[in-house]
Amino acid sequence: MIQVQVYREKRRYKKVVILGHAMYDDYGKDIVCSACSSIVTTTVNGIIALREGSLDYLVSKKGMTINIKSDDEITQVLTNNMVSLLKELESNYPANIKVNFC
């Protein structure tokens, strides 16, 4: 199962951690992992293109950690959109992805 941990302070996004594998299908064929990766990668690339320096991220074999360094509106709105899309993915595949707010 993909575990998404969303960290907020005073209703502002500060960090998002994505770990694990959805186990919907084999590696390379898993549509839930593919959807999650697409949502997160598109969001991170969009934020970097619009607000360079507003976040940093680390990709490992276990997953991805996104550290949000800016409270600007664009970064926060795009991060909120990413979280909303991941929550929708969770509602469609509850056995494969879980989004938690910390």
N, C-alpha and C. Protein backbone atom coordinates (compact mmCIF):
# COMPACT_ATOMS: atom_id res chain seq x y z
N MET A 1 0.84 -1.18 0.00
CA MET A 1 0.00 0.00 0.00
C MET A 1 0.88 1.25 0.00
N ILE A 2 0.48 2.25 -0.77
CA ILE A 2 1.16 3.54 -0.75
C ILE A 2 0.66 4.30 0.47
N GLN A 3 1.59 4.81 1.25
CA GLN A 3 1.28 5.63 2.41
C GLN A 3 1.70 7.07 2.11
N VAL A 4 0.74 7.98 2.18
CA VAL A 4 1.03 9.40 1.97
C VAL A 4 0.82 10.09 3.30
N GLN A 5 1.84 10.78 3.77
CA GLN A 5 1.75 11.53 5.01
C GLN A 5 1.86 13.02 4.67
N VAL A 6 0.84 13.76 5.04
CA VAL A 6 0.76 15.19 4.73
C VAL A 6 0.91 15.96 6.04
N TYR A 7 1.92 16.81 6.10
CA TYR A 7 2.20 17.60 7.29
C TYR A 7 1.80 19.06 7.05
N ARG A 8 1.01 19.59 7.98
CA ARG A 8 0.59 20.99 7.89
C ARG A 8 0.82 21.68 9.24
N GLU A 9 1.05 22.98 9.15
CA GLU A 9 1.11 23.84 10.33
C GLU A 9 0.23 25.04 10.03
N LYS A 10 -0.70 25.31 10.91
CA LYS A 10 -1.59 26.46 10.74
C LYS A 10 -2.22 26.49 9.35
N ARG A 11 -2.69 25.31 8.92
CA ARG A 11 -3.37 25.13 7.63
C ARG A 11 -2.47 25.37 6.42
N ARG A 12 -1.16 25.40 6.61
CA ARG A 12 -0.21 25.56 5.51
C ARG A 12 0.56 24.25 5.35
N TYR A 13 0.71 23.80 4.11
CA TYR A 13 1.45 22.57 3.84
C TYR A 13 2.93 22.79 4.09
N LYS A 14 3.56 21.83 4.78
CA LYS A 14 4.97 21.92 5.09
C LYS A 14 5.79 20.76 4.52
N LYS A 15 5.18 19.57 4.47
CA LYS A 15 5.91 18.39 3.97
C LYS A 15 4.92 17.34 3.54
N VAL A 16 5.30 16.59 2.50
CA VAL A 16 4.52 15.45 2.04
C VAL A 16 5.49 14.29 1.84
N VAL A 17 5.17 13.15 2.43
CA VAL A 17 6.01 11.95 2.30
C VAL A 17 5.17 10.86 1.65
N ILE A 18 5.70 10.28 0.58
CA ILE A 18 5.02 9.20 -0.14
C ILE A 18 5.93 7.97 -0.08
N LEU A 19 5.40 6.88 0.49
CA LEU A 19 6.19 5.66 0.67
C LEU A 19 5.42 4.44 0.20
N GLY A 20 6.14 3.45 -0.28
CA GLY A 20 5.54 2.15 -0.55
C GLY A 20 5.11 1.92 -1.98
N HIS A 21 4.45 0.79 -2.17
CA HIS A 21 3.95 0.36 -3.47
C HIS A 21 2.49 -0.02 -3.32
N ALA A 22 1.68 0.32 -4.29
CA ALA A 22 0.23 0.11 -4.20
C ALA A 22 -0.15 -1.36 -4.16
N MET A 23 0.62 -2.22 -4.79
CA MET A 23 0.32 -3.65 -4.86
C MET A 23 -0.96 -3.94 -5.63
N TYR A 24 -1.36 -3.04 -6.49
CA TYR A 24 -2.52 -3.28 -7.35
C TYR A 24 -2.17 -4.28 -8.45
N ASP A 25 -0.91 -4.17 -8.93
CA ASP A 25 -0.41 -5.07 -9.98
C ASP A 25 1.10 -5.13 -9.83
N ASP A 26 1.77 -5.86 -10.72
CA ASP A 26 3.22 -5.98 -10.69
C ASP A 26 3.87 -4.62 -10.95
N TYR A 27 5.11 -4.47 -10.48
CA TYR A 27 5.89 -3.27 -10.78
C TYR A 27 5.91 -3.06 -12.29
N GLY A 28 5.71 -1.82 -12.70
CA GLY A 28 5.69 -1.48 -14.11
C GLY A 28 4.33 -1.62 -14.76
N LYS A 29 3.38 -2.26 -14.06
CA LYS A 29 2.03 -2.44 -14.59
C LYS A 29 0.96 -1.88 -13.65
N ASP A 30 1.40 -1.29 -12.55
CA ASP A 30 0.49 -0.87 -11.49
C ASP A 30 -0.09 0.51 -11.80
N ILE A 31 -1.39 0.56 -12.11
CA ILE A 31 -2.02 1.82 -12.49
C ILE A 31 -2.17 2.78 -11.30
N VAL A 32 -2.25 2.26 -10.09
CA VAL A 32 -2.36 3.13 -8.92
C VAL A 32 -1.01 3.81 -8.66
N CYS A 33 0.07 3.06 -8.74
CA CYS A 33 1.40 3.66 -8.60
C CYS A 33 1.66 4.68 -9.71
N SER A 34 1.26 4.34 -10.91
CA SER A 34 1.44 5.24 -12.04
C SER A 34 0.66 6.53 -11.84
N ALA A 35 -0.56 6.43 -11.40
CA ALA A 35 -1.38 7.62 -11.15
C ALA A 35 -0.77 8.48 -10.04
N CYS A 36 -0.36 7.85 -8.97
CA CYS A 36 0.26 8.58 -7.86
C CYS A 36 1.54 9.28 -8.32
N SER A 37 2.39 8.57 -9.03
CA SER A 37 3.63 9.16 -9.54
C SER A 37 3.36 10.34 -10.47
N SER A 38 2.37 10.19 -11.34
CA SER A 38 2.03 11.27 -12.27
C SER A 38 1.52 12.50 -11.54
N ILE A 39 0.65 12.31 -10.57
CA ILE A 39 0.11 13.42 -9.79
C ILE A 39 1.25 14.18 -9.08
N VAL A 40 2.10 13.44 -8.40
CA VAL A 40 3.16 14.06 -7.61
C VAL A 40 4.21 14.71 -8.50
N THR A 41 4.66 14.01 -9.53
CA THR A 41 5.69 14.56 -10.42
C THR A 41 5.21 15.81 -11.14
N THR A 42 4.00 15.79 -11.65
CA THR A 42 3.45 16.96 -12.33
C THR A 42 3.35 18.15 -11.38
N THR A 43 2.91 17.91 -10.16
CA THR A 43 2.78 18.99 -9.19
C THR A 43 4.15 19.57 -8.83
N VAL A 44 5.09 18.72 -8.51
CA VAL A 44 6.44 19.20 -8.14
C VAL A 44 7.05 19.98 -9.30
N ASN A 45 6.97 19.45 -10.50
CA ASN A 45 7.54 20.16 -11.65
C ASN A 45 6.84 21.50 -11.89
N GLY A 46 5.53 21.54 -11.72
CA GLY A 46 4.78 22.79 -11.88
C GLY A 46 5.18 23.83 -10.86
N ILE A 47 5.30 23.42 -9.61
CA ILE A 47 5.69 24.37 -8.56
C ILE A 47 7.10 24.89 -8.83
N ILE A 48 8.02 24.01 -9.18
CA ILE A 48 9.40 24.44 -9.45
C ILE A 48 9.44 25.41 -10.63
N ALA A 49 8.65 25.15 -11.67
CA ALA A 49 8.62 26.03 -12.83
C ALA A 49 8.09 27.42 -12.50
N LEU A 50 7.12 27.47 -11.59
CA LEU A 50 6.49 28.76 -11.25
C LEU A 50 7.17 29.47 -10.09
N ARG A 51 7.69 28.71 -9.14
CA ARG A 51 8.27 29.28 -7.93
C ARG A 51 9.54 28.52 -7.55
N GLU A 52 10.58 28.73 -8.33
CA GLU A 52 11.85 28.05 -8.07
C GLU A 52 12.31 28.33 -6.64
N GLY A 53 12.73 27.28 -5.95
CA GLY A 53 13.21 27.43 -4.59
C GLY A 53 12.13 27.31 -3.53
N SER A 54 10.89 27.13 -3.93
CA SER A 54 9.81 27.07 -2.94
C SER A 54 9.67 25.68 -2.31
N LEU A 55 10.35 24.70 -2.88
CA LEU A 55 10.35 23.36 -2.28
C LEU A 55 11.62 22.64 -2.67
N ASP A 56 11.92 21.60 -1.93
CA ASP A 56 12.94 20.66 -2.34
C ASP A 56 12.38 19.26 -2.13
N TYR A 57 12.98 18.31 -2.78
CA TYR A 57 12.47 16.94 -2.69
C TYR A 57 13.61 15.95 -2.76
N LEU A 58 13.34 14.78 -2.22
CA LEU A 58 14.30 13.69 -2.22
C LEU A 58 13.58 12.43 -2.67
N VAL A 59 14.12 11.78 -3.69
CA VAL A 59 13.56 10.53 -4.20
C VAL A 59 14.50 9.40 -3.79
N SER A 60 13.92 8.33 -3.24
CA SER A 60 14.71 7.16 -2.86
C SER A 60 13.99 5.91 -3.37
N LYS A 61 14.57 4.77 -3.12
CA LYS A 61 13.92 3.51 -3.51
C LYS A 61 12.62 3.29 -2.75
N LYS A 62 12.50 3.87 -1.58
CA LYS A 62 11.31 3.71 -0.75
C LYS A 62 10.19 4.67 -1.12
N GLY A 63 10.53 5.82 -1.72
CA GLY A 63 9.50 6.79 -2.03
C GLY A 63 10.05 8.18 -2.27
N MET A 64 9.30 9.18 -1.82
CA MET A 64 9.64 10.57 -2.07
C MET A 64 9.24 11.43 -0.87
N THR A 65 10.10 12.39 -0.55
CA THR A 65 9.80 13.38 0.48
C THR A 65 9.86 14.75 -0.16
N ILE A 66 8.81 15.53 0.03
CA ILE A 66 8.74 16.88 -0.50
C ILE A 66 8.71 17.84 0.69
N ASN A 67 9.69 18.71 0.78
CA ASN A 67 9.75 19.72 1.82
C ASN A 67 9.32 21.05 1.22
N ILE A 68 8.24 21.60 1.73
CA ILE A 68 7.69 22.84 1.20
C ILE A 68 8.26 23.99 2.02
N LYS A 69 9.05 24.82 1.36
CA LYS A 69 9.76 25.88 2.05
C LYS A 69 9.07 27.23 1.95
N SER A 70 8.01 27.32 1.17
CA SER A 70 7.36 28.60 0.95
C SER A 70 5.88 28.52 1.28
N ASP A 71 5.37 29.61 1.80
CA ASP A 71 3.93 29.72 2.09
C ASP A 71 3.21 30.50 1.01
N ASP A 72 3.86 30.76 -0.13
CA ASP A 72 3.22 31.56 -1.17
C ASP A 72 1.98 30.85 -1.71
N GLU A 73 1.07 31.62 -2.24
CA GLU A 73 -0.24 31.10 -2.65
C GLU A 73 -0.13 30.04 -3.74
N ILE A 74 0.71 30.24 -4.74
CA ILE A 74 0.82 29.27 -5.83
C ILE A 74 1.29 27.91 -5.31
N THR A 75 2.33 27.91 -4.49
CA THR A 75 2.84 26.65 -3.94
C THR A 75 1.78 25.96 -3.10
N GLN A 76 1.08 26.71 -2.28
CA GLN A 76 0.07 26.13 -1.41
C GLN A 76 -1.13 25.61 -2.20
N VAL A 77 -1.58 26.37 -3.20
CA VAL A 77 -2.73 25.94 -4.00
C VAL A 77 -2.40 24.69 -4.80
N LEU A 78 -1.22 24.65 -5.41
CA LEU A 78 -0.85 23.46 -6.19
C LEU A 78 -0.64 22.25 -5.29
N THR A 79 -0.08 22.45 -4.11
CA THR A 79 0.07 21.35 -3.16
C THR A 79 -1.30 20.85 -2.71
N ASN A 80 -2.21 21.77 -2.44
CA ASN A 80 -3.57 21.38 -2.06
C ASN A 80 -4.24 20.57 -3.18
N ASN A 81 -4.04 20.99 -4.42
CA ASN A 81 -4.58 20.25 -5.56
C ASN A 81 -4.00 18.84 -5.61
N MET A 82 -2.69 18.71 -5.40
CA MET A 82 -2.05 17.40 -5.39
C MET A 82 -2.65 16.51 -4.31
N VAL A 83 -2.81 17.04 -3.11
CA VAL A 83 -3.37 16.27 -2.01
C VAL A 83 -4.82 15.87 -2.33
N SER A 84 -5.58 16.78 -2.91
CA SER A 84 -6.97 16.47 -3.29
C SER A 84 -7.02 15.34 -4.32
N LEU A 85 -6.13 15.37 -5.29
CA LEU A 85 -6.09 14.30 -6.29
C LEU A 85 -5.68 12.97 -5.66
N LEU A 86 -4.73 13.00 -4.74
CA LEU A 86 -4.33 11.77 -4.05
C LEU A 86 -5.47 11.24 -3.19
N LYS A 87 -6.24 12.13 -2.55
CA LYS A 87 -7.41 11.70 -1.77
C LYS A 87 -8.46 11.07 -2.69
N GLU A 88 -8.64 11.62 -3.87
CA GLU A 88 -9.59 11.03 -4.82
C GLU A 88 -9.11 9.65 -5.27
N LEU A 89 -7.81 9.52 -5.52
CA LEU A 89 -7.24 8.21 -5.86
C LEU A 89 -7.49 7.22 -4.72
N GLU A 90 -7.31 7.69 -3.49
CA GLU A 90 -7.58 6.85 -2.32
C GLU A 90 -9.04 6.40 -2.28
N SER A 91 -9.96 7.29 -2.61
CA SER A 91 -11.38 6.92 -2.57
C SER A 91 -11.72 5.87 -3.62
N ASN A 92 -10.98 5.86 -4.73
CA ASN A 92 -11.21 4.86 -5.78
C ASN A 92 -10.46 3.55 -5.54
N TYR A 93 -9.35 3.61 -4.80
CA TYR A 93 -8.51 2.44 -4.55
C TYR A 93 -8.12 2.39 -3.06
N PRO A 94 -9.09 2.24 -2.16
CA PRO A 94 -8.79 2.31 -0.73
C PRO A 94 -7.88 1.19 -0.21
N ALA A 95 -7.78 0.11 -0.94
CA ALA A 95 -6.88 -0.98 -0.51
C ALA A 95 -5.45 -0.76 -0.96
N ASN A 96 -5.22 0.30 -1.74
CA ASN A 96 -3.90 0.48 -2.37
C ASN A 96 -3.19 1.78 -2.01
N ILE A 97 -3.93 2.79 -1.53
CA ILE A 97 -3.31 4.06 -1.16
C ILE A 97 -4.06 4.65 0.02
N LYS A 98 -3.29 5.19 0.96
CA LYS A 98 -3.87 5.83 2.15
C LYS A 98 -3.20 7.19 2.35
N VAL A 99 -4.03 8.23 2.48
CA VAL A 99 -3.53 9.58 2.71
C VAL A 99 -3.86 9.95 4.15
N ASN A 100 -2.82 10.29 4.90
CA ASN A 100 -2.96 10.66 6.32
C ASN A 100 -2.48 12.09 6.53
N PHE A 101 -3.17 12.81 7.38
CA PHE A 101 -2.76 14.16 7.76
C PHE A 101 -2.12 14.10 9.13
N CYS A 102 -0.95 14.66 9.22
CA CYS A 102 -0.19 14.62 10.48
C CYS A 102 -0.13 16.00 11.12
